[in-house]
């Protein structure tokens, strides 16, 4: 980003007739940081900061993001998933099959791995993926060209790998896994969760325009001709991509587009009856009215309306949501809203609850670190609970 970001920020600010101080007052971003960015003294800025500046300048966030950027993955994650990345490329340990794998057998192994994945038990999950990828490659190699069972299974295994790579910020590997999984997917509906992973990859890298483009294209392709006749799977796939349109648009300072996509997602959610639909092909994807409310809470937090996030969070208290990851991501929004309202004990209580229920997942959430950093900066002294939690999620000194 660097000097290009600084040049663009300065040019837009001058076109709007604002001084650096006036931009700071309107955006809530410190004048010191604005000066640093415009002088090229800081090479990157967070998407959240870019969005605040873009809102004050009345431009899209992507107008200030010249080059997608993201933090490097943790060394421990690179090491943990090294053999999985190799297996994705078709490189496996030299062990031999005791007997040839079967689709039924690999399906059973995948079913056993799915709770580990959804429950965030990554250390236990990693070693299971290597033999699954190897066995799936073998099954595809020996299957008849017209038989899609082996390819569909391999697509789901590769989808699991893709999400792990996104979670751990290994985006080149995520791109590779998504492309391979899409190639194996038998139809567009089955491929929708992969498009979702692709959107999250672009969002995390800061390329909001690309995320919106991908999500919009898939939402258009998946829109049912008649909502009243659409299956739950069709509605869930369409709703999933509408969510991502809204997610990307709200971060790109396009609130109208975000609200339109959210409104259509509500329609899809209302059309799904009997609770949230948990797609068998979407490892992290349930969809229905609760999912849409969680998205509304997330969007409210992005545009600095924590009171709206807390109101939705209160309504959803006690809801039984089928998927741990998305539910705990919603709970992080609630924690962030409490922190923004200076309700620090409540924010810490939510973080501790997430830690109790999904500890390995929480450690990977840089959003959790950001929440704690904000709390730490506002306090003169830190309680033992805050210090211990900061150590747990690896808040830097």
Protein backbone atom coordinates (compact mmCIF):
# COMPACT_ATOMS: atom_id res chain seq x y z
CA UNK A 1 0.00 0.00 0.00
CA UNK A 2 2.57 2.52 1.29
CA UNK A 3 3.19 5.68 -0.72
CA UNK A 4 0.42 4.86 -3.19
CA UNK A 5 -2.09 4.84 -0.35
CA UNK A 6 -0.64 8.09 0.97
CA UNK A 7 -0.83 9.78 -2.43
CA UNK A 8 -4.39 8.65 -2.99
CA UNK A 9 -5.51 9.67 0.50
CA UNK A 10 -3.94 13.10 0.14
CA UNK A 11 -5.40 13.68 -3.34
CA UNK A 12 -8.94 12.70 -2.32
CA UNK A 13 -8.72 14.77 0.89
CA UNK A 14 -7.64 17.85 -1.08
CA UNK A 15 -10.40 17.30 -3.67
CA UNK A 16 -12.89 17.29 -0.80
CA UNK A 17 -11.43 20.55 0.50
CA UNK A 18 -10.46 19.11 3.88
CA UNK A 19 -7.41 19.68 6.02
CA UNK A 20 -5.80 16.76 7.78
CA UNK A 21 -7.32 17.96 11.05
CA UNK A 22 -10.80 18.21 9.53
CA UNK A 23 -10.49 14.70 8.10
CA UNK A 24 -9.38 13.44 11.50
CA UNK A 25 -12.39 15.06 13.17
CA UNK A 26 -14.84 13.61 10.63
CA UNK A 27 -13.36 10.11 10.51
CA UNK A 28 -12.28 9.53 14.09
CA UNK A 29 -8.82 8.57 12.81
CA UNK A 30 -5.99 10.41 14.57
CA UNK A 31 -4.36 13.27 12.70
CA UNK A 32 -0.99 11.68 13.49
CA UNK A 33 -1.96 8.51 11.61
CA UNK A 34 -3.32 10.50 8.67
CA UNK A 35 -0.04 12.42 8.47
CA UNK A 36 1.94 9.19 8.66
CA UNK A 37 -0.11 7.59 5.87
CA UNK A 38 0.08 10.60 3.57
CA UNK A 39 3.85 10.85 4.04
CA UNK A 40 4.30 7.15 3.22
CA UNK A 41 5.68 6.48 6.68
CA UNK A 42 3.34 3.54 7.23
CA UNK A 43 3.12 0.86 4.56
CA UNK A 44 -0.25 -0.64 5.51
CA UNK A 45 -3.45 0.29 7.24
CA UNK A 46 -6.29 -1.84 8.49
CA UNK A 47 -9.42 -2.17 6.39
CA UNK A 48 -11.38 -0.79 9.34
CA UNK A 49 -9.27 2.40 9.31
CA UNK A 50 -9.56 2.70 5.53
CA UNK A 51 -13.35 2.39 5.81
CA UNK A 52 -13.55 5.21 8.37
CA UNK A 53 -11.46 7.47 6.16
CA UNK A 54 -13.49 6.49 3.08
CA UNK A 55 -16.77 7.28 4.87
CA UNK A 56 -15.53 10.74 5.80
CA UNK A 57 -14.28 11.31 2.25
CA UNK A 58 -17.46 9.91 0.62
CA UNK A 59 -15.64 7.29 -1.46
CA UNK A 60 -15.55 3.52 -1.49
CA UNK A 61 -13.09 1.86 0.86
CA UNK A 62 -11.50 0.13 -2.12
CA UNK A 63 -10.60 3.57 -3.50
CA UNK A 64 -8.03 3.80 -0.71
CA UNK A 65 -6.77 0.24 -0.93
CA UNK A 66 -4.34 0.20 -3.82
CA UNK A 67 -2.97 -3.28 -3.23
CA UNK A 68 -4.61 -6.08 -1.23
CA UNK A 69 -2.67 -6.71 1.93
CA UNK A 70 -2.89 -9.09 4.86
CA UNK A 71 -0.80 -10.12 7.81
CA UNK A 72 1.60 -13.03 7.38
CA UNK A 73 0.52 -16.41 8.77
CA UNK A 74 1.86 -17.55 12.11
CA UNK A 75 4.94 -19.76 11.88
CA UNK A 76 3.24 -22.41 14.00
CA UNK A 77 0.35 -22.58 11.53
CA UNK A 78 2.66 -22.88 8.54
CA UNK A 79 4.42 -25.78 10.27
CA UNK A 80 1.22 -27.49 11.46
CA UNK A 81 -0.32 -27.56 7.99
CA UNK A 82 2.86 -28.21 5.96
CA UNK A 83 2.06 -31.86 5.18
CA UNK A 84 -1.54 -30.93 4.33
CA UNK A 85 -0.32 -28.38 1.79
CA UNK A 86 1.97 -31.01 0.29
CA UNK A 87 -0.87 -33.54 0.12
CA UNK A 88 -3.00 -30.95 -1.63
CA UNK A 89 -0.26 -30.85 -4.29
CA UNK A 90 -0.28 -34.66 -4.53
CA UNK A 91 2.81 -35.26 -2.36
CA UNK A 92 2.23 -37.81 0.40
CA UNK A 93 4.30 -39.81 2.89
CA UNK A 94 5.74 -43.02 1.47
CA UNK A 95 3.42 -45.37 3.40
CA UNK A 96 1.48 -47.96 1.38
CA UNK A 97 -2.22 -48.80 1.49
CA UNK A 98 -2.96 -51.77 3.71
CA UNK A 99 -5.94 -52.20 1.41
CA UNK A 100 -7.41 -49.95 -1.29
CA UNK A 101 -9.72 -47.22 0.05
CA UNK A 102 -13.42 -47.08 -0.80
CA UNK A 103 -15.76 -44.12 -1.20
CA UNK A 104 -17.82 -45.41 1.72
CA UNK A 105 -14.73 -45.73 3.90
CA UNK A 106 -13.39 -42.26 3.11
CA UNK A 107 -16.86 -40.82 3.58
CA UNK A 108 -16.94 -42.35 7.04
CA UNK A 109 -13.51 -40.88 7.85
CA UNK A 110 -14.66 -37.49 6.59
CA UNK A 111 -17.76 -37.70 8.78
CA UNK A 112 -15.49 -38.33 11.79
CA UNK A 113 -13.31 -35.34 10.85
CA UNK A 114 -16.23 -32.97 10.39
CA UNK A 115 -16.91 -32.48 14.14
CA UNK A 116 -13.18 -31.79 14.68
CA UNK A 117 -13.33 -29.13 11.97
CA UNK A 118 -16.55 -27.53 13.16
CA UNK A 119 -15.42 -27.70 16.77
CA UNK A 120 -12.10 -26.00 16.06
CA UNK A 121 -9.95 -28.98 17.13
CA UNK A 122 -7.27 -28.19 14.60
CA UNK A 123 -4.32 -30.05 16.12
CA UNK A 124 -6.35 -33.27 16.00
CA UNK A 125 -7.74 -32.50 12.55
CA UNK A 126 -4.50 -31.75 10.67
CA UNK A 127 -3.08 -35.31 10.57
CA UNK A 128 -6.39 -36.77 9.37
CA UNK A 129 -6.47 -34.62 6.25
CA UNK A 130 -3.30 -36.01 4.66
CA UNK A 131 -4.55 -39.62 4.31
CA UNK A 132 -8.00 -38.36 3.28
CA UNK A 133 -6.51 -36.29 0.45
CA UNK A 134 -4.33 -39.22 -0.63
CA UNK A 135 -7.24 -41.69 -0.57
CA UNK A 136 -9.53 -39.27 -2.40
CA UNK A 137 -6.94 -38.79 -5.15
CA UNK A 138 -6.70 -42.56 -5.51
CA UNK A 139 -10.48 -42.98 -5.68
CA UNK A 140 -10.80 -40.35 -8.40
CA UNK A 141 -7.99 -41.95 -10.38
CA UNK A 142 -9.71 -45.35 -10.47
CA UNK A 143 -13.32 -44.22 -10.80
CA UNK A 144 -15.33 -44.26 -14.01
CA UNK A 145 -15.49 -40.93 -15.78
CA UNK A 146 -19.26 -40.76 -15.37
CA UNK A 147 -19.23 -41.48 -11.64
CA UNK A 148 -19.15 -38.23 -9.64
CA UNK A 149 -19.16 -39.72 -6.12
CA UNK A 150 -15.38 -39.72 -5.69
CA UNK A 151 -14.97 -36.21 -7.10
CA UNK A 152 -17.76 -34.82 -4.95
CA UNK A 153 -16.12 -36.35 -1.87
CA UNK A 154 -12.70 -34.97 -2.81
CA UNK A 155 -14.26 -31.55 -3.36
CA UNK A 156 -15.61 -31.55 0.20
CA UNK A 157 -12.24 -32.61 1.64
CA UNK A 158 -10.51 -29.89 -0.34
CA UNK A 159 -13.14 -27.41 0.87
CA UNK A 160 -12.18 -28.30 4.44
CA UNK A 161 -8.53 -27.62 3.61
CA UNK A 162 -9.44 -24.32 1.92
CA UNK A 163 -11.23 -23.06 5.02
CA UNK A 164 -8.30 -24.06 7.23
CA UNK A 165 -5.94 -22.13 5.00
CA UNK A 166 -8.23 -19.08 5.12
CA UNK A 167 -8.46 -19.30 8.89
CA UNK A 168 -4.68 -19.40 9.24
CA UNK A 169 -4.03 -16.66 6.65
CA UNK A 170 -2.26 -18.99 4.19
CA UNK A 171 -3.98 -17.45 1.20
CA UNK A 172 -1.91 -18.92 -1.63
CA UNK A 173 -2.73 -22.41 -0.34
CA UNK A 174 -6.37 -21.38 0.11
CA UNK A 175 -6.53 -20.20 -3.50
CA UNK A 176 -5.06 -23.51 -4.65
CA UNK A 177 -7.49 -25.57 -2.56
CA UNK A 178 -10.52 -23.55 -3.71
CA UNK A 179 -9.57 -23.92 -7.38
CA UNK A 180 -9.09 -27.68 -7.03
CA UNK A 181 -12.33 -28.12 -5.09
CA UNK A 182 -14.29 -26.09 -7.63
CA UNK A 183 -12.94 -28.31 -10.38
CA UNK A 184 -14.36 -31.36 -8.58
CA UNK A 185 -17.71 -29.83 -7.58
CA UNK A 186 -20.56 -31.51 -9.51
CA UNK A 187 -22.88 -28.48 -9.75
CA UNK A 188 -23.15 -24.78 -8.95
CA UNK A 189 -25.14 -25.29 -5.75
CA UNK A 190 -22.51 -27.66 -4.36
CA UNK A 191 -19.84 -25.14 -5.32
CA UNK A 192 -21.50 -22.20 -3.51
CA UNK A 193 -19.67 -22.79 -0.19
CA UNK A 194 -16.40 -22.67 -2.11
CA UNK A 195 -17.37 -19.31 -3.55
CA UNK A 196 -18.05 -18.21 0.01
CA UNK A 197 -14.54 -19.26 1.05
CA UNK A 198 -13.18 -17.38 -1.95
CA UNK A 199 -15.03 -14.22 -0.87
CA UNK A 200 -13.70 -14.46 2.67
CA UNK A 201 -10.19 -14.90 1.27
CA UNK A 202 -10.49 -11.64 -0.68
CA UNK A 203 -12.06 -9.81 2.27
CA UNK A 204 -9.29 -10.88 4.63
CA UNK A 205 -6.70 -9.78 2.09
CA UNK A 206 -8.37 -6.39 1.82
CA UNK A 207 -9.58 -6.70 -1.79
CA UNK A 208 -13.18 -5.68 -1.13
CA UNK A 209 -13.96 -4.92 -4.78
CA UNK A 210 -12.97 -8.46 -5.79
CA UNK A 211 -15.02 -9.96 -2.96
CA UNK A 212 -18.09 -7.99 -4.05
CA UNK A 213 -17.56 -9.00 -7.66
CA UNK A 214 -17.31 -12.72 -6.83
CA UNK A 215 -20.25 -12.68 -4.41
CA UNK A 216 -22.51 -10.71 -6.76
CA UNK A 217 -21.80 -12.99 -9.70
CA UNK A 218 -22.57 -16.12 -7.67
CA UNK A 219 -25.69 -14.59 -6.09
CA UNK A 220 -27.02 -13.73 -9.53
CA UNK A 221 -26.31 -17.23 -10.84
CA UNK A 222 -27.92 -18.90 -7.81
CA UNK A 223 -31.07 -16.77 -7.60
CA UNK A 224 -34.11 -19.09 -7.87
CA UNK A 225 -36.54 -18.40 -10.68
CA UNK A 226 -39.46 -18.80 -8.26
CA UNK A 227 -38.76 -18.44 -4.57
CA UNK A 228 -41.98 -20.20 -3.61
CA UNK A 229 -40.89 -23.30 -5.53
CA UNK A 230 -37.22 -23.27 -4.53
CA UNK A 231 -35.77 -26.02 -2.35
CA UNK A 232 -34.17 -25.31 1.02
CA UNK A 233 -30.77 -26.08 -0.53
CA UNK A 234 -31.36 -23.60 -3.36
CA UNK A 235 -32.53 -20.88 -0.97
CA UNK A 236 -29.61 -21.50 1.39
CA UNK A 237 -27.05 -21.29 -1.43
CA UNK A 238 -28.56 -18.06 -2.75
CA UNK A 239 -28.83 -16.59 0.74
CA UNK A 240 -25.23 -17.53 1.48
CA UNK A 241 -23.92 -15.48 -1.42
CA UNK A 242 -26.28 -12.58 -0.68
CA UNK A 243 -24.69 -12.51 2.76
CA UNK A 244 -21.26 -12.15 1.21
CA UNK A 245 -22.43 -9.35 -1.09
CA UNK A 246 -23.63 -7.51 2.01
CA UNK A 247 -20.49 -8.35 4.01
CA UNK A 248 -18.18 -7.01 1.31
CA UNK A 249 -20.33 -4.00 0.45
CA UNK A 250 -20.64 -2.72 4.03
CA UNK A 251 -16.85 -2.87 4.41
CA UNK A 252 -16.45 -1.10 1.07
CA UNK A 253 -18.56 1.83 2.31
CA UNK A 254 -21.52 0.95 0.08
CA UNK A 255 -24.30 0.90 2.69
CA UNK A 256 -27.16 0.97 0.19
CA UNK A 257 -25.86 -2.06 -1.65
CA UNK A 258 -25.22 -3.83 1.64
CA UNK A 259 -28.76 -3.19 2.87
CA UNK A 260 -30.30 -4.30 -0.45
CA UNK A 261 -28.41 -7.59 -0.32
CA UNK A 262 -29.40 -8.03 3.33
CA UNK A 263 -33.05 -7.43 2.43
CA UNK A 264 -32.95 -10.14 -0.24
CA UNK A 265 -31.20 -12.45 2.25
CA UNK A 266 -34.09 -11.86 4.66
CA UNK A 267 -36.51 -12.94 1.93
CA UNK A 268 -34.50 -16.13 1.37
CA UNK A 269 -34.30 -16.72 5.13
CA UNK A 270 -38.04 -16.30 5.61
CA UNK A 271 -38.69 -18.74 2.77
CA UNK A 272 -36.68 -21.42 4.62
CA UNK A 273 -39.08 -22.84 7.15
CA UNK A 274 -38.48 -25.01 10.19
CA UNK A 275 -35.30 -23.35 11.47
CA UNK A 276 -31.84 -22.86 9.99
CA UNK A 277 -30.86 -25.06 7.07
CA UNK A 278 -27.53 -26.83 7.63
CA UNK A 279 -26.18 -27.72 4.20
CA UNK A 280 -24.46 -31.08 3.91
CA UNK A 281 -22.03 -29.60 1.36
CA UNK A 282 -21.30 -26.46 3.35
CA UNK A 283 -19.01 -27.32 6.22
CA UNK A 284 -19.55 -23.92 7.83
CA UNK A 285 -22.82 -22.97 6.26
CA UNK A 286 -26.22 -22.84 7.84
CA UNK A 287 -28.79 -20.36 6.61
CA UNK A 288 -32.10 -19.01 7.80
CA UNK A 289 -33.59 -16.10 9.76
CA UNK A 290 -31.07 -16.38 12.62
CA UNK A 291 -28.14 -16.28 10.19
CA UNK A 292 -29.55 -13.11 8.64
CA UNK A 293 -29.88 -11.47 12.08
CA UNK A 294 -26.27 -12.39 12.85
CA UNK A 295 -25.21 -10.70 9.62
CA UNK A 296 -27.20 -7.59 10.51
CA UNK A 297 -25.38 -7.48 13.87
CA UNK A 298 -22.02 -7.82 12.11
CA UNK A 299 -22.83 -5.06 9.62
CA UNK A 300 -23.92 -2.75 12.43
CA UNK A 301 -20.59 -3.28 14.17
CA UNK A 302 -18.67 -2.51 10.96
CA UNK A 303 -20.37 0.90 10.68
CA UNK A 304 -19.85 1.70 14.38
CA UNK A 305 -23.37 1.07 15.68
CA UNK A 306 -22.60 -1.14 18.67
CA UNK A 307 -25.95 -0.48 20.29
CA UNK A 308 -27.67 -2.13 17.30
CA UNK A 309 -25.32 -5.11 17.53
CA UNK A 310 -26.10 -5.52 21.23
CA UNK A 311 -29.84 -5.28 20.61
CA UNK A 312 -29.66 -8.11 18.10
CA UNK A 313 -27.32 -10.08 20.34
CA UNK A 314 -29.84 -9.84 23.17
CA UNK A 315 -32.61 -11.18 20.94
CA UNK A 316 -30.42 -14.12 19.93
CA UNK A 317 -29.34 -15.01 23.47
CA UNK A 318 -29.97 -18.70 24.08
CA UNK A 319 -30.55 -19.53 20.41
CA UNK A 320 -29.36 -23.01 19.43
CA UNK A 321 -27.34 -22.41 16.28
CA UNK A 322 -26.14 -25.49 14.36
CA UNK A 323 -22.57 -24.35 13.62
CA UNK A 324 -20.00 -23.34 16.27
CA UNK A 325 -17.72 -21.16 14.09
CA UNK A 326 -20.34 -18.70 12.75
CA UNK A 327 -22.09 -18.53 16.11
CA UNK A 328 -18.89 -17.68 17.96
CA UNK A 329 -18.01 -15.13 15.26
CA UNK A 330 -21.33 -13.47 16.10
CA UNK A 331 -20.39 -13.59 19.77
CA UNK A 332 -17.13 -11.78 18.93
CA UNK A 333 -19.23 -8.98 17.42
CA UNK A 334 -21.19 -8.84 20.68
CA UNK A 335 -17.94 -8.66 22.67
CA UNK A 336 -16.67 -5.88 20.40
CA UNK A 337 -19.94 -3.98 20.85
CA UNK A 338 -19.68 -4.23 24.63
CA UNK A 339 -16.11 -2.95 24.45
CA UNK A 340 -17.13 -0.06 22.19
CA UNK A 341 -19.78 0.91 24.78
CA UNK A 342 -17.09 0.70 27.51
CA UNK A 343 -18.85 -2.29 29.04
CA UNK A 344 -15.55 -4.05 29.62
CA UNK A 345 -16.65 -6.71 32.14
CA UNK A 346 -19.40 -7.82 29.74
CA UNK A 347 -16.95 -7.92 26.81
CA UNK A 348 -14.49 -10.02 28.82
CA UNK A 349 -17.27 -12.38 29.93
CA UNK A 350 -18.21 -13.05 26.30
CA UNK A 351 -14.58 -13.67 25.33
CA UNK A 352 -14.14 -16.07 28.24
CA UNK A 353 -17.29 -17.94 27.22
CA UNK A 354 -15.97 -18.31 23.66
CA UNK A 355 -12.65 -19.50 25.06
CA UNK A 356 -14.43 -22.15 27.07
CA UNK A 357 -16.45 -23.40 24.11
CA UNK A 358 -14.02 -23.03 21.18
CA UNK A 359 -10.49 -22.34 22.51
CA UNK A 360 -8.37 -23.33 19.49
CA UNK A 361 -10.60 -21.30 17.19
CA UNK A 362 -10.43 -18.23 19.41
CA UNK A 363 -6.61 -18.24 19.34
CA UNK A 364 -6.77 -17.87 15.53
CA UNK A 365 -9.11 -14.86 15.64
CA UNK A 366 -7.20 -11.62 15.20
CA UNK A 367 -10.50 -9.87 15.83
CA UNK A 368 -10.34 -11.19 19.40
CA UNK A 369 -6.87 -9.70 19.78
CA UNK A 370 -8.12 -6.36 18.47
CA UNK A 371 -10.94 -6.32 21.02
CA UNK A 372 -8.53 -7.00 23.86
CA UNK A 373 -6.03 -4.43 22.61
CA UNK A 374 -8.80 -1.83 22.67
CA UNK A 375 -9.72 -2.78 26.23
CA UNK A 376 -6.09 -2.73 27.38
CA UNK A 377 -5.49 0.72 25.87
CA UNK A 378 -8.45 2.15 27.80
CA UNK A 379 -7.35 0.86 31.22
CA UNK A 380 -4.59 2.18 33.46
CA UNK A 381 -4.01 -1.19 35.11
CA UNK A 382 -4.88 -4.70 34.00
CA UNK A 383 -6.62 -7.31 36.08
CA UNK A 384 -5.11 -10.80 36.27
CA UNK A 385 -8.02 -12.00 34.07
CA UNK A 386 -7.19 -9.52 31.30
CA UNK A 387 -3.49 -10.30 31.43
CA UNK A 388 -4.08 -14.04 31.26
CA UNK A 389 -6.61 -13.75 28.43
CA UNK A 390 -4.25 -11.47 26.49
CA UNK A 391 -1.53 -14.09 26.78
CA UNK A 392 -3.93 -16.82 25.67
CA UNK A 393 -4.90 -15.09 22.41
CA UNK A 394 -1.33 -13.88 21.80
CA UNK A 395 -1.85 -10.15 22.12
CA UNK A 396 1.55 -8.59 21.27
CA UNK A 397 3.37 -6.49 23.86
